[in-house]
Protein backbone atom coordinates (compact mmCIF):
# COMPACT_ATOMS: atom_id res chain seq x y z
CA UNK A 1 0.00 0.00 0.00
CA UNK A 2 1.39 3.34 -0.97
CA UNK A 3 -0.13 5.06 2.02
CA UNK A 4 1.10 8.49 1.15
CA UNK A 5 2.46 8.70 -2.38
CA UNK A 6 1.89 12.46 -2.58
CA UNK A 7 2.91 13.03 0.94
CA UNK A 8 6.37 11.79 1.37
CA UNK A 9 7.44 8.83 -0.59
CA UNK A 10 9.24 7.71 2.54
CA UNK A 11 11.12 4.65 3.64
CA UNK A 12 10.92 1.28 2.04
CA UNK A 13 9.23 -0.64 4.83
CA UNK A 14 11.14 -3.16 6.84
CA UNK A 15 9.87 -6.53 7.88
CA UNK A 16 9.00 -6.80 11.57
CA UNK A 17 12.02 -7.58 13.73
CA UNK A 18 14.66 -6.51 11.18
CA UNK A 19 15.55 -3.07 12.57
CA UNK A 20 18.04 -1.24 10.49
CA UNK A 21 18.60 -3.88 7.85
CA UNK A 22 16.51 -2.62 4.95
CA UNK A 23 16.28 0.77 3.38
CA UNK A 24 13.25 2.81 4.35
CA UNK A 25 10.37 3.59 2.03
CA UNK A 26 9.33 6.97 0.68
CA UNK A 27 6.05 7.13 2.61
CA UNK A 28 5.86 9.31 5.76
CA UNK A 29 2.52 7.83 6.68
CA UNK A 30 2.60 4.14 5.90
CA UNK A 31 1.37 0.87 7.27
CA UNK A 32 3.64 -0.93 9.65
CA UNK A 33 4.34 -3.85 7.45
CA UNK A 34 4.81 -2.38 3.99
CA UNK A 35 7.81 -3.91 2.36
CA UNK A 36 9.54 -7.14 2.09
CA UNK A 37 6.75 -9.66 2.16
CA UNK A 38 9.05 -12.63 2.15
CA UNK A 39 8.65 -14.80 5.25
CA UNK A 40 11.38 -15.59 7.69
CA UNK A 41 13.10 -18.67 6.38
CA UNK A 42 15.15 -21.37 7.93
CA UNK A 43 17.39 -23.88 6.22
CA UNK A 44 14.63 -26.47 6.22
CA UNK A 45 11.81 -24.06 5.54
CA UNK A 46 9.52 -25.24 2.75
CA UNK A 47 9.07 -23.03 -0.25
CA UNK A 48 5.57 -21.63 -0.63
CA UNK A 49 5.30 -22.94 -4.18
CA UNK A 50 6.14 -26.45 -3.04
CA UNK A 51 2.81 -26.68 -1.31
CA UNK A 52 0.56 -24.98 -3.78
CA UNK A 53 0.64 -28.03 -6.01
CA UNK A 54 -0.31 -30.27 -3.10
CA UNK A 55 -3.56 -28.44 -2.49
CA UNK A 56 -6.00 -30.19 -4.80
CA UNK A 57 -9.09 -28.36 -3.59
CA UNK A 58 -10.20 -25.45 -5.75
CA UNK A 59 -9.71 -21.88 -4.64
CA UNK A 60 -13.50 -21.14 -4.58
CA UNK A 61 -14.00 -24.22 -2.39
CA UNK A 62 -11.29 -23.11 0.05
CA UNK A 63 -12.74 -19.61 0.07
CA UNK A 64 -16.18 -20.93 0.94
CA UNK A 65 -15.07 -23.39 3.61
CA UNK A 66 -12.81 -20.90 5.40
CA UNK A 67 -14.73 -17.64 5.13
CA UNK A 68 -17.98 -19.49 5.90
CA UNK A 69 -16.96 -21.14 9.18
CA UNK A 70 -20.44 -22.54 9.78
CA UNK A 71 -19.83 -24.91 6.89
CA UNK A 72 -17.73 -27.95 7.76
CA UNK A 73 -16.57 -30.85 5.69
CA UNK A 74 -15.33 -33.88 7.56
CA UNK A 75 -12.56 -34.49 5.04
CA UNK A 76 -11.37 -30.87 5.10
CA UNK A 77 -8.41 -30.32 7.46
CA UNK A 78 -7.00 -26.83 7.75
CA UNK A 79 -3.30 -27.03 8.52
CA UNK A 80 -0.95 -24.13 9.14
CA UNK A 81 0.47 -24.64 5.67
CA UNK A 82 -2.91 -24.58 3.95
CA UNK A 83 -4.13 -21.55 5.88
CA UNK A 84 -0.94 -19.61 5.31
CA UNK A 85 -0.98 -20.23 1.58
CA UNK A 86 -4.69 -19.49 1.22
CA UNK A 87 -4.63 -16.27 3.28
CA UNK A 88 -1.60 -15.05 1.32
CA UNK A 89 -3.48 -15.56 -1.95
CA UNK A 90 -6.62 -13.95 -0.53
CA UNK A 91 -4.67 -10.87 0.62
CA UNK A 92 -2.96 -10.65 -2.76
CA UNK A 93 -6.36 -10.59 -4.46
CA UNK A 94 -7.52 -7.88 -2.04
CA UNK A 95 -4.47 -5.70 -2.70
CA UNK A 96 -3.16 -5.95 0.86
CA UNK A 97 0.46 -4.87 1.28
CA UNK A 98 3.01 -7.60 1.93
CA UNK A 99 0.36 -10.33 1.78
CA UNK A 100 2.62 -13.17 2.92
CA UNK A 101 3.96 -11.24 5.89
CA UNK A 102 0.47 -10.05 6.81
CA UNK A 103 -0.76 -13.65 6.71
CA UNK A 104 2.12 -14.77 8.92
CA UNK A 105 1.46 -12.02 11.45
CA UNK A 106 -2.24 -12.80 11.78
CA UNK A 107 -1.76 -16.56 11.93
CA UNK A 108 1.09 -16.38 14.46
CA UNK A 109 -1.01 -13.98 16.55
CA UNK A 110 -4.04 -16.30 16.64
CA UNK A 111 -1.91 -19.38 17.34
CA UNK A 112 0.29 -17.50 19.88
CA UNK A 113 3.38 -18.69 18.02
CA UNK A 114 6.47 -16.97 16.68
CA UNK A 115 6.48 -16.54 12.92
CA UNK A 116 9.37 -18.96 12.54
CA UNK A 117 7.32 -21.63 14.33
CA UNK A 118 4.77 -21.58 11.54
CA UNK A 119 7.38 -23.13 9.28
CA UNK A 120 8.49 -25.75 11.75
CA UNK A 121 4.91 -26.93 12.29
CA UNK A 122 3.53 -26.64 8.76
CA UNK A 123 1.39 -29.79 9.00
CA UNK A 124 -0.18 -28.96 12.37
CA UNK A 125 -4.01 -28.79 12.17
CA UNK A 126 -5.64 -25.56 13.30
CA UNK A 127 -8.62 -26.14 15.56
CA UNK A 128 -12.05 -24.62 14.93
CA UNK A 129 -11.91 -21.99 17.69
CA UNK A 130 -8.66 -20.66 16.29
CA UNK A 131 -10.01 -20.75 12.73
CA UNK A 132 -13.05 -18.77 13.83
CA UNK A 133 -10.84 -16.05 15.34
CA UNK A 134 -8.67 -16.02 12.26
CA UNK A 135 -11.72 -15.84 10.02
CA UNK A 136 -12.80 -12.57 11.63
CA UNK A 137 -9.33 -11.01 11.43
CA UNK A 138 -8.86 -12.00 7.79
CA UNK A 139 -12.16 -10.37 6.84
CA UNK A 140 -11.22 -7.17 8.65
CA UNK A 141 -7.77 -7.12 7.08
CA UNK A 142 -9.41 -7.59 3.69
CA UNK A 143 -11.16 -4.27 4.31
CA UNK A 144 -7.70 -2.71 4.81
CA UNK A 145 -7.82 -2.45 8.58
CA UNK A 146 -4.14 -2.21 9.63
CA UNK A 147 -2.56 -5.49 10.70
CA UNK A 148 -1.00 -3.74 13.72
CA UNK A 149 -4.42 -2.84 15.06
CA UNK A 150 -5.68 -6.38 14.51
CA UNK A 151 -2.78 -7.91 16.44
CA UNK A 152 -2.50 -5.02 18.92
CA UNK A 153 1.26 -4.72 18.61
CA UNK A 154 4.09 -3.48 16.46
CA UNK A 155 7.87 -3.29 16.54
CA UNK A 156 9.78 -0.03 16.82
CA UNK A 157 13.50 0.35 17.43
CA UNK A 158 13.68 -3.38 18.30
CA UNK A 159 10.95 -2.97 20.92
CA UNK A 160 7.59 -4.76 20.92
CA UNK A 161 5.00 -2.06 21.60
CA UNK A 162 1.26 -2.11 22.11
CA UNK A 163 -0.84 -0.11 19.66
CA UNK A 164 -4.56 0.41 19.03
CA UNK A 165 -6.74 2.78 16.98
CA UNK A 166 -6.38 5.43 19.71
CA UNK A 167 -2.81 6.12 18.56
CA UNK A 168 -0.94 6.30 15.28
CA UNK A 169 1.17 3.30 14.29
CA UNK A 170 4.90 4.08 14.69
CA UNK A 171 6.80 4.24 11.41
CA UNK A 172 10.35 3.06 10.72
CA UNK A 173 11.47 6.52 9.56
CA UNK A 174 10.87 7.83 13.08
CA UNK A 175 13.73 5.61 14.26
CA UNK A 176 16.14 8.13 12.68
CA UNK A 177 14.82 10.77 15.09
CA UNK A 178 15.43 8.38 17.99
CA UNK A 179 18.97 7.65 16.80
CA UNK A 180 19.87 11.35 16.62
CA UNK A 181 18.34 11.99 20.03
CA UNK A 182 20.34 9.18 21.64
CA UNK A 183 23.56 10.37 20.01
CA UNK A 184 22.98 13.90 21.32
CA UNK A 185 22.23 12.74 24.86
CA UNK A 186 25.34 10.56 24.98
CA UNK A 187 27.45 13.61 24.17
CA UNK A 188 26.33 15.31 27.39
CA UNK A 189 27.33 14.36 30.92
CA UNK A 190 25.05 13.70 33.87
CA UNK A 191 21.29 13.37 34.01
CA UNK A 192 19.58 14.50 30.83
CA UNK A 193 16.07 15.94 30.82
CA UNK A 194 14.00 15.27 27.71
CA UNK A 195 10.57 16.47 26.58
CA UNK A 196 8.74 14.30 24.05
CA UNK A 197 5.82 16.19 22.50
CA UNK A 198 2.97 14.35 20.73
CA UNK A 199 4.17 11.09 22.26
CA UNK A 200 1.27 8.93 21.04
CA UNK A 201 1.93 5.32 22.06
CA UNK A 202 5.17 6.48 23.70
CA UNK A 203 7.46 4.87 21.11
CA UNK A 204 10.04 7.70 21.07
CA UNK A 205 10.11 8.14 24.84
CA UNK A 206 10.46 4.41 25.51
CA UNK A 207 13.16 3.93 22.86
CA UNK A 208 15.20 6.87 24.18
CA UNK A 209 14.85 5.76 27.80
CA UNK A 210 15.85 2.18 26.99
CA UNK A 211 19.02 3.37 25.26
CA UNK A 212 19.91 6.40 27.40
CA UNK A 213 20.11 5.33 31.06
CA UNK A 214 20.64 8.91 32.29
CA UNK A 215 17.59 10.30 30.47
CA UNK A 216 14.57 11.51 32.43
CA UNK A 217 11.60 12.12 30.14
CA UNK A 218 8.34 14.04 30.28
CA UNK A 219 6.03 12.99 27.45
CA UNK A 220 2.91 14.94 26.55
CA UNK A 221 -0.05 14.28 24.29
CA UNK A 222 -3.43 15.88 23.80
CA UNK A 223 -5.12 12.47 23.66
CA UNK A 224 -5.76 10.79 26.99
CA UNK A 225 -6.59 7.54 25.15
CA UNK A 226 -3.19 7.56 23.45
CA UNK A 227 -1.49 8.16 26.79
CA UNK A 228 -3.22 5.07 28.18
CA UNK A 229 -1.46 3.05 25.49
CA UNK A 230 1.84 4.80 26.22
CA UNK A 231 1.45 3.96 29.91
CA UNK A 232 1.20 0.25 29.10
CA UNK A 233 4.34 0.37 26.98
CA UNK A 234 6.21 2.25 29.69
CA UNK A 235 5.11 -0.28 32.30
CA UNK A 236 6.09 -3.19 30.06
CA UNK A 237 9.69 -1.98 29.96
CA UNK A 238 9.71 -0.92 33.62
CA UNK A 239 10.33 2.75 32.87
CA UNK A 240 7.71 4.36 35.12
CA UNK A 241 10.42 5.92 37.29
CA UNK A 242 12.03 7.62 34.27
CA UNK A 243 9.11 8.59 32.00
CA UNK A 244 6.28 10.80 33.17
CA UNK A 245 3.14 11.24 31.08
CA UNK A 246 1.16 14.48 30.99
CA UNK A 247 -2.08 15.07 29.11
CA UNK A 248 -2.36 18.37 27.32
CA UNK A 249 -1.60 20.37 24.20
CA UNK A 250 2.17 20.45 23.53
CA UNK A 251 3.87 22.48 26.32
CA UNK A 252 0.58 23.43 28.02
CA UNK A 253 0.66 20.73 30.77
CA UNK A 254 4.22 21.61 31.83
CA UNK A 255 4.57 23.54 35.08
CA UNK A 256 8.24 24.61 35.36
CA UNK A 257 8.18 25.00 39.13
CA UNK A 258 6.77 21.50 39.59
CA UNK A 259 8.22 19.72 36.58
CA UNK A 260 11.56 20.29 34.88
CA UNK A 261 12.47 23.94 34.49
CA UNK A 262 14.62 23.50 31.37
CA UNK A 263 15.29 20.55 29.08
CA UNK A 264 18.44 19.28 27.43
CA UNK A 265 16.42 18.03 24.48
CA UNK A 266 12.96 18.47 23.03
CA UNK A 267 11.85 15.90 20.46
CA UNK A 268 8.63 15.88 18.51
CA UNK A 269 7.03 13.84 15.74
CA UNK A 270 3.89 15.91 15.25
CA UNK A 271 0.96 15.61 12.87
CA UNK A 272 2.13 17.06 9.54
CA UNK A 273 -0.39 16.05 6.87
CA UNK A 274 -1.86 18.93 4.90
CA UNK A 275 -5.52 19.19 3.92
CA UNK A 276 -4.84 18.20 0.31
CA UNK A 277 -2.63 15.30 1.34
CA UNK A 278 -5.14 14.01 3.87
CA UNK A 279 -7.77 13.52 1.19
CA UNK A 280 -5.34 11.35 -0.81
CA UNK A 281 -4.21 9.10 2.04
CA UNK A 282 -4.59 5.37 1.66
CA UNK A 283 -7.77 3.86 3.05
CA UNK A 284 -5.90 1.97 5.79
CA UNK A 285 -4.62 5.28 7.17
CA UNK A 286 -7.46 7.68 6.44
CA UNK A 287 -10.21 5.35 7.68
CA UNK A 288 -8.48 3.77 10.68
CA UNK A 289 -5.70 5.91 12.17
CA UNK A 290 -6.67 8.90 14.35
CA UNK A 291 -7.05 12.11 12.36
CA UNK A 292 -5.81 14.03 15.40
CA UNK A 293 -2.40 12.39 14.96
CA UNK A 294 -2.24 13.08 11.21
CA UNK A 295 -3.85 16.35 10.15
CA UNK A 296 -2.06 19.66 10.72
CA UNK A 297 -3.91 22.38 8.84
CA UNK A 298 -3.96 23.51 5.25
CA UNK A 299 -0.18 23.38 4.75
CA UNK A 300 0.70 20.72 7.36
CA UNK A 301 2.85 23.16 9.36
CA UNK A 302 0.47 24.22 12.16
CA UNK A 303 2.10 22.19 14.93
CA UNK A 304 5.64 23.08 13.86
CA UNK A 305 4.84 26.79 14.13
CA UNK A 306 3.56 26.40 17.66
CA UNK A 307 6.41 24.16 18.83
CA UNK A 308 9.15 26.39 17.39
CA UNK A 309 7.52 29.54 18.78
CA UNK A 310 7.74 28.30 22.39
CA UNK A 311 10.55 25.73 22.42
CA UNK A 312 13.37 28.12 23.29
CA UNK A 313 11.86 29.06 26.66
CA UNK A 314 11.90 25.39 27.70
CA UNK A 315 15.48 24.64 26.58
CA UNK A 316 18.79 25.06 28.38
CA UNK A 317 21.52 26.97 26.52
CA UNK A 318 23.15 24.65 24.00
CA UNK A 319 20.18 22.26 24.27
CA UNK A 320 18.60 20.81 21.14
CA UNK A 321 15.25 20.78 19.39
CA UNK A 322 14.72 17.81 17.05
CA UNK A 323 11.70 17.37 14.80
CA UNK A 324 10.60 14.73 12.33
CA UNK A 325 9.43 16.41 9.13
CA UNK A 326 7.77 15.48 5.86
CA UNK A 327 9.96 15.13 2.80
CA UNK A 328 8.73 18.40 1.24
CA UNK A 329 8.86 20.43 4.46
CA UNK A 330 12.61 20.96 4.99
CA UNK A 331 12.89 24.49 3.57
CA UNK A 332 9.76 25.71 5.37
CA UNK A 333 10.86 24.28 8.74
CA UNK A 334 14.35 25.75 8.38
CA UNK A 335 12.82 29.15 7.69
CA UNK A 336 10.61 28.90 10.78
CA UNK A 337 13.64 28.05 12.94
CA UNK A 338 15.64 30.95 11.51
CA UNK A 339 12.78 33.40 12.04
CA UNK A 340 12.50 32.35 15.70
CA UNK A 341 15.91 33.96 16.30
CA UNK A 342 16.73 31.60 19.16
CA UNK A 343 18.52 28.81 17.33
CA UNK A 344 21.87 28.14 15.70
CA UNK A 345 23.33 25.15 13.86
CA UNK A 346 20.05 24.57 12.07
CA UNK A 347 20.26 21.39 10.03
CA UNK A 348 17.89 19.47 7.79
CA UNK A 349 18.99 15.83 7.61
CA UNK A 350 18.01 13.56 4.76
CA UNK A 351 17.07 9.93 5.08
CA UNK A 352 18.52 7.03 3.12
CA UNK A 353 16.24 7.86 0.19
CA UNK A 354 17.64 11.41 0.07
CA UNK A 355 14.43 12.93 1.40
CA UNK A 356 14.28 15.55 4.15
CA UNK A 357 13.52 13.74 7.39
CA UNK A 358 14.93 15.45 10.53
CA UNK A 359 15.18 19.12 11.48
CA UNK A 360 17.59 19.85 14.34
CA UNK A 361 18.70 23.09 15.95
CA UNK A 362 20.70 24.20 19.00
CA UNK A 363 19.45 26.94 21.30
CA UNK A 364 21.68 29.99 21.26
CA UNK A 365 23.45 30.64 24.60
CA UNK A 366 22.21 33.80 26.27
């Protein structure tokens, strides 16, 4: 699925669990699993085409017997192999991105197995209760509901995180923002105070905290429902003593006398989809992900203006502001930072596809 062809033409999507190995896609708003749809393989893993010839039942018959679970045929046995091959073909017909990978993710989720285990237990029958659950998920996926929402989880920066329709699905390109934040924090001594604006499911805050032991993070979001998801991810990685969640609009919930007076780093991956771009988003994004986490006014720059206007008053001298940006927004963001008059060393960093991806600036010492 080209979720955002007009928008960003971002990173080529990586397969789940392969952080950093593949080049990112050119879509800034994309589904979690767009990309390499080849399954994880082991030395003894069967080739998909090996089994297609073995299935003598017709495709319409398989379609009817699986998607109509009330119909049962005594001689029909649904094995992992048969289900995996059929769902892959069904998703291909429906135009679902990475159909094989999507099939693996749903089937491993229902069977509570790792993806690799599907290939070591190819001939294992799948019982009716499990088929019924799978049947519902396959139908929903066929309507382009994101696989991440169906399984309730995704991977980001080698972390397994919980997600749901209350928050946007983390994208691989955001990992570049995390990498630059970690590098900056490691260059500074002592405890580092970080503010993560528009935290969503908490992916940036959790990834930074896991890789920067001296970081203390305040993460804000306007959505209380999204913060509930972030809280679960923070608890999962036992980071409650280092990440504090506040509900409110950008800097609004911060009280300097009670919270941190000044930060060493402010990071933000805000909504940045323009009105024209929003109308052209793929169905899986436009119909299922929260508009609040996507749309940012007519030109997509509304949140950037507000963050840049106030960021300097919350930063220590020589502290940094780092923003993820859309691939067409580099010049506009650089101009906003220059006009603020509080920043030096303003840089627009490109991703591996040579698209603008990160805007970074250092607060001028006063």
